[in-house]
Amino acid sequence: MAPMTDKEGELPEQSLHNAVVGWDADHGPAALIDAACEALIGGLDSPALRELAGASAKDSSWDIRELAFAALDELRIPRPGAVPVGHVVAAGGGVARRSGVNSLRLEVAPFPREARDGFQVLVHVDGIEMTARAAGLGMDPYKVFVPDSRLAATTEPRTVPIARCTCGVYGCGSTDVTIVRDDDVVHWDWSIEVPMDRGVTFDTAQYDSELARLAADHSWETPVRTAGRLVLTGVDRERLRSYGLSLGWVSNSYPDPELFQVSLQIGNDYQVFLDTPWRGRDPEELAREVCATVARPLREWDATWYANKPALTAPPAIAEPSWRRRRF
């Protein structure tokens, strides 16, 4: 799906910048030539811009690209990648702090197809859902705000995944957002598969309130999701790190939904699994048992291990004699 555009009221400097950023050499020079013509009509002028506007669609794409860059330089318009997070191209060139304030609403929804325990975080900007327009599917709630919100805004820009392919895999299709807190506003700038050709800016109070509301809303959770949240927030991660372990995923076992399963990682080499039977218990009771199990010495774990690499045939170094190899 093509990114959303809103050229009404957009500066010709910004429109030209966007055209160069979004240009693909495989599609030929016509788009850049058209953008140069529109820029001239919009009141911009420079020798390279005039030459670009008069170029032929049969010219070399790379020659056209160099003309476009020359036009940007002559007009003091930043080249692709040179506009800081939260800024836009200014009138007369250079950049200016983005001042427009958008609205944000976050929503947890099931996958748009039959899938056990499949959920996604939908992102609504000014009432329009963005993840479907981006890579296609929102990120899993555990990847967004459990145990802590990845969307929390700080004065140091950071980039986090916001959407994934409709197959459910981030990387097959991906959309990231770079987030930065800038005094009274929070800026988002999209990257990879973008849902719109401009960044968005939120009032900090509204932004922080929406993140807090989402984190406190557990109405969407199934029992296994409640148990998973409680495990992810309650497990002793420092203890796991002391063994070289990190949390992977938490869910019911695929072949046996009566078993709640925790997957632990040892780098990229091994997975360690802890299975806990439900036995009719509620999520809170089950989560307490899982966290208590993790707190015990490794020799008391009823664990299985799996080597991610075929060449690894021996158990991981931390494995106790009682641990068993898992086969799929």
Protein backbone atom coordinates (compact mmCIF):
# COMPACT_ATOMS: atom_id res chain seq x y z
CA MET A 1 0.00 0.00 0.00
CA ALA A 2 1.38 3.43 -0.89
CA PRO A 3 2.32 5.74 1.99
CA MET A 4 -0.20 8.41 2.94
CA THR A 5 0.56 11.87 1.62
CA ASP A 6 -0.76 15.27 2.57
CA LYS A 7 0.63 17.81 0.12
CA GLU A 8 -1.99 20.45 0.84
CA GLY A 9 -0.13 23.25 2.60
CA GLU A 10 3.20 21.42 2.32
CA LEU A 11 6.20 23.58 1.49
CA PRO A 12 7.66 22.99 -1.99
CA GLU A 13 11.04 22.42 -0.30
CA GLN A 14 9.54 19.55 1.71
CA SER A 15 7.75 18.11 -1.34
CA LEU A 16 10.97 18.05 -3.35
CA HIS A 17 12.86 16.48 -0.45
CA ASN A 18 10.18 13.79 -0.09
CA ALA A 19 10.32 13.02 -3.82
CA VAL A 20 14.08 12.48 -3.69
CA VAL A 21 13.84 10.37 -0.52
CA GLY A 22 11.15 8.14 -2.01
CA TRP A 23 12.70 7.80 -5.45
CA ASP A 24 13.72 4.36 -6.69
CA ALA A 25 16.21 4.15 -9.57
CA ASP A 26 14.51 0.99 -10.84
CA HIS A 27 11.40 3.05 -11.65
CA GLY A 28 13.27 5.45 -13.90
CA PRO A 29 13.79 9.23 -13.76
CA ALA A 30 10.26 10.41 -14.54
CA ALA A 31 9.22 10.90 -10.88
CA LEU A 32 12.17 13.18 -10.15
CA ILE A 33 11.63 15.18 -13.34
CA ASP A 34 7.96 15.66 -12.40
CA ALA A 35 8.97 16.67 -8.85
CA ALA A 36 11.36 19.30 -10.26
CA CYS A 37 8.60 20.73 -12.46
CA GLU A 38 6.26 20.94 -9.46
CA ALA A 39 9.00 22.63 -7.43
CA LEU A 40 9.45 25.30 -10.11
CA ILE A 41 5.70 25.89 -10.18
CA GLY A 42 5.80 26.13 -6.39
CA GLY A 43 8.29 28.99 -6.54
CA LEU A 44 11.66 27.26 -6.14
CA ASP A 45 14.45 27.96 -8.61
CA SER A 46 18.08 26.98 -9.17
CA PRO A 47 20.23 26.02 -12.18
CA ALA A 48 20.22 22.29 -11.36
CA LEU A 49 16.48 22.34 -10.66
CA ARG A 50 15.78 23.89 -14.07
CA GLU A 51 18.07 21.35 -15.75
CA LEU A 52 16.34 18.50 -13.93
CA ALA A 53 12.89 19.76 -14.92
CA GLY A 54 13.97 19.85 -18.57
CA ALA A 55 15.60 16.40 -18.55
CA SER A 56 14.30 13.46 -20.57
CA ALA A 57 12.81 10.31 -19.12
CA LYS A 58 15.31 8.48 -21.35
CA ASP A 59 18.29 9.97 -19.51
CA SER A 60 20.40 7.84 -17.17
CA SER A 61 18.71 7.35 -13.81
CA TRP A 62 22.00 7.94 -12.04
CA ASP A 63 22.63 11.20 -13.92
CA ILE A 64 19.14 12.29 -12.91
CA ARG A 65 19.91 11.36 -9.31
CA GLU A 66 23.03 13.51 -9.30
CA LEU A 67 21.04 16.43 -10.75
CA ALA A 68 18.44 16.00 -7.99
CA PHE A 69 21.15 16.04 -5.30
CA ALA A 70 22.70 19.14 -6.89
CA ALA A 71 19.30 20.85 -6.85
CA LEU A 72 18.86 20.04 -3.16
CA ASP A 73 22.31 21.44 -2.38
CA GLU A 74 21.69 24.67 -4.34
CA LEU A 75 18.38 25.17 -2.53
CA ARG A 76 19.88 24.31 0.90
CA ILE A 77 17.44 21.39 1.18
CA PRO A 78 18.92 18.49 3.20
CA ARG A 79 19.78 15.33 1.33
CA PRO A 80 18.05 12.03 2.25
CA GLY A 81 18.95 10.96 5.77
CA ALA A 82 20.09 14.44 6.84
CA VAL A 83 16.85 15.67 8.47
CA PRO A 84 17.06 15.16 12.26
CA VAL A 85 14.30 13.28 14.07
CA GLY A 86 11.35 15.56 14.78
CA HIS A 87 12.28 18.13 12.14
CA VAL A 88 11.01 19.10 8.68
CA VAL A 89 12.50 20.98 5.77
CA ALA A 90 12.11 24.72 6.35
CA ALA A 91 11.08 27.48 3.95
CA GLY A 92 14.19 28.69 2.17
CA GLY A 93 16.11 25.52 3.07
CA GLY A 94 17.53 24.09 6.24
CA VAL A 95 15.33 22.40 8.86
CA ALA A 96 12.80 23.48 11.48
CA ARG A 97 11.36 21.73 14.55
CA ARG A 98 8.13 19.95 13.69
CA SER A 99 5.34 21.82 15.43
CA GLY A 100 2.19 20.07 14.25
CA VAL A 101 0.55 18.02 17.03
CA ASN A 102 -1.11 14.70 16.17
CA SER A 103 -3.21 12.38 18.33
CA LEU A 104 -2.26 8.82 19.30
CA ARG A 105 -4.46 5.88 20.24
CA LEU A 106 -3.13 2.36 20.86
CA GLU A 107 -5.26 -0.77 20.76
CA VAL A 108 -4.66 -4.49 21.32
CA ALA A 109 -6.60 -6.62 18.83
CA PRO A 110 -6.61 -10.28 17.77
CA PHE A 111 -4.91 -11.31 14.55
CA PRO A 112 -7.19 -10.75 11.53
CA ARG A 113 -7.26 -14.50 10.96
CA GLU A 114 -7.57 -17.75 12.87
CA ALA A 115 -4.53 -18.07 15.14
CA ARG A 116 -4.23 -19.34 18.68
CA ASP A 117 -3.38 -16.58 21.14
CA GLY A 118 -2.42 -14.18 18.33
CA PHE A 119 -2.60 -10.49 19.23
CA GLN A 120 -1.24 -7.26 17.80
CA VAL A 121 -0.88 -3.66 18.92
CA LEU A 122 -2.64 -1.33 16.49
CA VAL A 123 -1.46 2.27 16.17
CA HIS A 124 -4.04 4.95 15.37
CA VAL A 125 -2.74 8.39 14.40
CA ASP A 126 -5.41 11.08 14.02
CA GLY A 127 -7.98 8.30 13.89
CA ILE A 128 -6.27 6.35 11.07
CA GLU A 129 -4.83 2.88 11.77
CA MET A 130 -1.19 2.80 10.68
CA THR A 131 0.16 -0.75 11.08
CA ALA A 132 -1.98 -2.13 8.24
CA ARG A 133 -0.69 0.67 6.01
CA ALA A 134 2.88 -0.10 7.12
CA ALA A 135 4.31 -3.64 7.14
CA GLY A 136 0.79 -5.05 7.63
CA LEU A 137 0.46 -6.40 11.19
CA GLY A 138 1.01 -4.78 14.58
CA MET A 139 3.68 -6.08 16.95
CA ASP A 140 2.85 -8.59 19.67
CA PRO A 141 1.89 -6.83 22.93
CA TYR A 142 4.77 -8.56 24.74
CA LYS A 143 7.14 -6.85 22.27
CA VAL A 144 5.61 -3.42 22.87
CA PHE A 145 4.79 -2.90 26.56
CA VAL A 146 5.59 -6.05 28.62
CA PRO A 147 7.41 -5.92 30.99
CA ASP A 148 8.22 -2.30 30.12
CA SER A 149 7.01 -0.01 27.35
CA ARG A 150 9.36 0.11 24.36
CA LEU A 151 7.44 3.20 23.24
CA ALA A 152 8.48 5.29 26.25
CA ALA A 153 9.91 8.57 24.98
CA THR A 154 13.25 9.93 26.21
CA THR A 155 15.43 12.82 25.09
CA GLU A 156 17.75 10.29 23.45
CA PRO A 157 16.26 9.09 20.12
CA ARG A 158 15.74 5.35 19.88
CA THR A 159 14.29 3.13 17.19
CA VAL A 160 11.81 0.32 17.92
CA PRO A 161 9.73 -2.05 15.76
CA ILE A 162 6.12 -0.97 15.35
CA ALA A 163 4.80 -3.34 12.63
CA ARG A 164 5.64 -6.68 11.01
CA CYS A 165 4.67 -8.78 8.02
CA THR A 166 1.16 -10.24 7.91
CA CYS A 167 2.76 -13.68 8.27
CA GLY A 168 3.63 -12.62 11.84
CA VAL A 169 7.40 -12.38 11.38
CA TYR A 170 9.24 -9.10 11.91
CA GLY A 171 11.99 -9.02 9.30
CA CYS A 172 9.93 -10.61 6.55
CA GLY A 173 8.18 -7.24 6.57
CA SER A 174 9.12 -4.46 8.98
CA THR A 175 8.26 -0.96 10.06
CA ASP A 176 10.29 0.90 12.69
CA VAL A 177 9.66 4.19 14.43
CA THR A 178 12.30 6.48 15.92
CA ILE A 179 10.98 8.13 19.09
CA VAL A 180 12.33 11.22 20.85
CA ARG A 181 10.98 13.50 23.57
CA ASP A 182 11.43 17.17 22.68
CA ASP A 183 10.24 19.33 25.58
CA ASP A 184 6.44 19.50 25.27
CA VAL A 185 6.13 17.09 22.32
CA VAL A 186 7.10 13.55 21.31
CA HIS A 187 8.25 12.95 17.73
CA TRP A 188 7.84 9.74 15.74
CA ASP A 189 9.68 9.23 12.45
CA TRP A 190 8.87 6.12 10.40
CA SER A 191 11.41 3.93 8.57
CA ILE A 192 11.61 0.85 6.32
CA GLU A 193 7.98 0.20 5.17
CA VAL A 194 6.45 3.56 6.03
CA PRO A 195 2.69 4.17 6.31
CA MET A 196 3.03 7.87 5.45
CA ASP A 197 5.66 10.14 3.94
CA ARG A 198 6.04 12.38 7.01
CA GLY A 199 6.71 11.99 10.70
CA VAL A 200 4.13 12.69 13.41
CA THR A 201 4.31 14.69 16.62
CA PHE A 202 2.28 14.21 19.82
CA ASP A 203 1.66 16.34 22.89
CA THR A 204 3.72 14.77 25.71
CA ALA A 205 0.84 14.70 28.20
CA GLN A 206 -1.48 12.93 25.74
CA TYR A 207 1.30 10.57 24.67
CA ASP A 208 2.30 9.53 28.20
CA SER A 209 -1.33 9.16 29.22
CA GLU A 210 -2.05 6.86 26.28
CA LEU A 211 0.96 4.63 27.05
CA ALA A 212 -0.12 4.39 30.71
CA ARG A 213 -3.69 3.55 29.69
CA LEU A 214 -2.53 0.77 27.38
CA ALA A 215 -0.23 -0.77 30.00
CA ALA A 216 -3.03 -0.80 32.60
CA ASP A 217 -5.65 -2.34 30.29
CA HIS A 218 -5.68 -6.14 30.64
CA SER A 219 -9.22 -6.63 29.32
CA TRP A 220 -7.90 -8.22 26.10
CA GLU A 221 -5.88 -10.93 27.86
CA THR A 222 -6.66 -14.63 27.70
CA PRO A 223 -5.61 -16.76 30.73
CA VAL A 224 -2.36 -17.78 29.04
CA ARG A 225 -1.61 -14.15 28.19
CA THR A 226 -2.23 -13.08 31.79
CA ALA A 227 0.10 -15.80 33.01
CA GLY A 228 2.69 -14.76 30.45
CA ARG A 229 2.56 -11.11 31.50
CA LEU A 230 2.95 -12.03 35.16
CA VAL A 231 5.92 -14.27 34.39
CA LEU A 232 7.62 -11.68 32.18
CA THR A 233 7.22 -8.99 34.84
CA GLY A 234 7.87 -11.19 37.88
CA VAL A 235 10.74 -13.50 36.93
CA ASP A 236 14.20 -12.80 38.36
CA ARG A 237 16.06 -11.71 35.23
CA GLU A 238 19.26 -10.94 37.11
CA ARG A 239 19.39 -14.51 38.35
CA LEU A 240 18.93 -15.78 34.80
CA ARG A 241 21.69 -13.49 33.54
CA SER A 242 24.05 -14.90 36.16
CA TYR A 243 23.68 -18.27 34.38
CA GLY A 244 24.03 -16.74 30.91
CA LEU A 245 20.29 -17.16 30.29
CA SER A 246 17.78 -14.68 28.89
CA LEU A 247 14.01 -14.91 28.51
CA GLY A 248 12.84 -15.95 25.05
CA TRP A 249 9.10 -16.48 24.91
CA VAL A 250 6.28 -17.64 27.20
CA SER A 251 3.16 -19.44 26.01
CA ASN A 252 1.24 -22.68 26.13
CA SER A 253 3.02 -25.62 24.52
CA TYR A 254 1.83 -25.95 20.94
CA PRO A 255 1.27 -29.73 21.02
CA ASP A 256 -0.10 -29.72 24.60
CA PRO A 257 -2.05 -26.62 25.70
CA GLU A 258 -2.23 -28.03 29.23
CA LEU A 259 1.48 -27.18 29.61
CA PHE A 260 2.66 -23.60 30.08
CA GLN A 261 6.12 -23.26 28.56
CA VAL A 262 8.99 -20.84 29.17
CA SER A 263 11.76 -20.69 26.59
CA LEU A 264 15.16 -19.43 27.77
CA GLN A 265 18.07 -18.55 25.50
CA ILE A 266 21.79 -19.20 25.87
CA GLY A 267 23.12 -16.77 23.29
CA ASN A 268 22.30 -18.05 19.82
CA ASP A 269 23.40 -21.60 20.62
CA TYR A 270 20.82 -23.21 22.91
CA GLN A 271 17.25 -23.01 24.14
CA VAL A 272 16.25 -24.25 27.57
CA PHE A 273 12.60 -25.10 28.25
CA LEU A 274 10.66 -25.18 31.52
CA ASP A 275 7.20 -26.77 31.34
CA THR A 276 4.58 -26.16 34.03
CA PRO A 277 1.20 -27.98 33.96
CA TRP A 278 -1.91 -25.86 34.43
CA ARG A 279 -3.83 -28.43 36.51
CA GLY A 280 -6.90 -26.20 36.53
CA ARG A 281 -5.10 -23.32 38.24
CA ASP A 282 -5.70 -19.64 37.56
CA PRO A 283 -3.04 -17.55 35.78
CA GLU A 284 -1.83 -15.88 38.98
CA GLU A 285 -1.17 -19.20 40.72
CA LEU A 286 0.54 -20.68 37.70
CA ALA A 287 2.76 -17.61 37.28
CA ARG A 288 3.80 -17.78 40.94
CA GLU A 289 4.93 -21.38 40.47
CA VAL A 290 6.90 -20.55 37.31
CA CYS A 291 8.70 -17.66 39.03
CA ALA A 292 9.41 -19.85 42.05
CA THR A 293 10.86 -22.54 39.79
CA VAL A 294 13.21 -20.08 38.12
CA ALA A 295 14.37 -18.95 41.58
CA ARG A 296 15.46 -22.47 42.53
CA PRO A 297 18.98 -23.86 41.91
CA LEU A 298 19.49 -25.25 38.39
CA ARG A 299 19.84 -28.78 39.76
CA GLU A 300 16.19 -28.62 40.84
CA TRP A 301 14.90 -27.61 37.41
CA ASP A 302 12.96 -30.18 35.42
CA ALA A 303 14.37 -28.73 32.20
CA THR A 304 14.95 -29.77 28.60
CA TRP A 305 17.48 -28.26 26.18
CA TYR A 306 17.72 -27.87 22.43
CA ALA A 307 20.76 -26.95 20.31
CA ASN A 308 20.02 -24.34 17.65
CA LYS A 309 23.02 -25.48 15.58
CA PRO A 310 23.30 -29.08 14.29
CA ALA A 311 27.00 -29.16 15.12
CA LEU A 312 26.21 -28.80 18.83
CA THR A 313 25.56 -32.30 20.13
CA ALA A 314 26.61 -31.86 23.75
CA PRO A 315 24.35 -30.18 26.33
CA PRO A 316 25.02 -26.57 27.34
CA ALA A 317 27.70 -26.08 29.98
CA ILE A 318 25.17 -25.11 32.66
CA ALA A 319 23.03 -28.24 32.12
CA GLU A 320 22.53 -30.50 35.14
CA PRO A 321 22.61 -34.32 34.77
CA SER A 322 18.81 -34.43 35.13
CA TRP A 323 18.24 -32.16 32.12
CA ARG A 324 17.05 -33.91 28.99
CA ARG A 325 17.58 -33.17 25.33
CA ARG A 326 14.46 -31.95 23.56
CA ARG A 327 13.67 -33.19 20.07
CA PHE A 328 11.16 -31.66 17.64
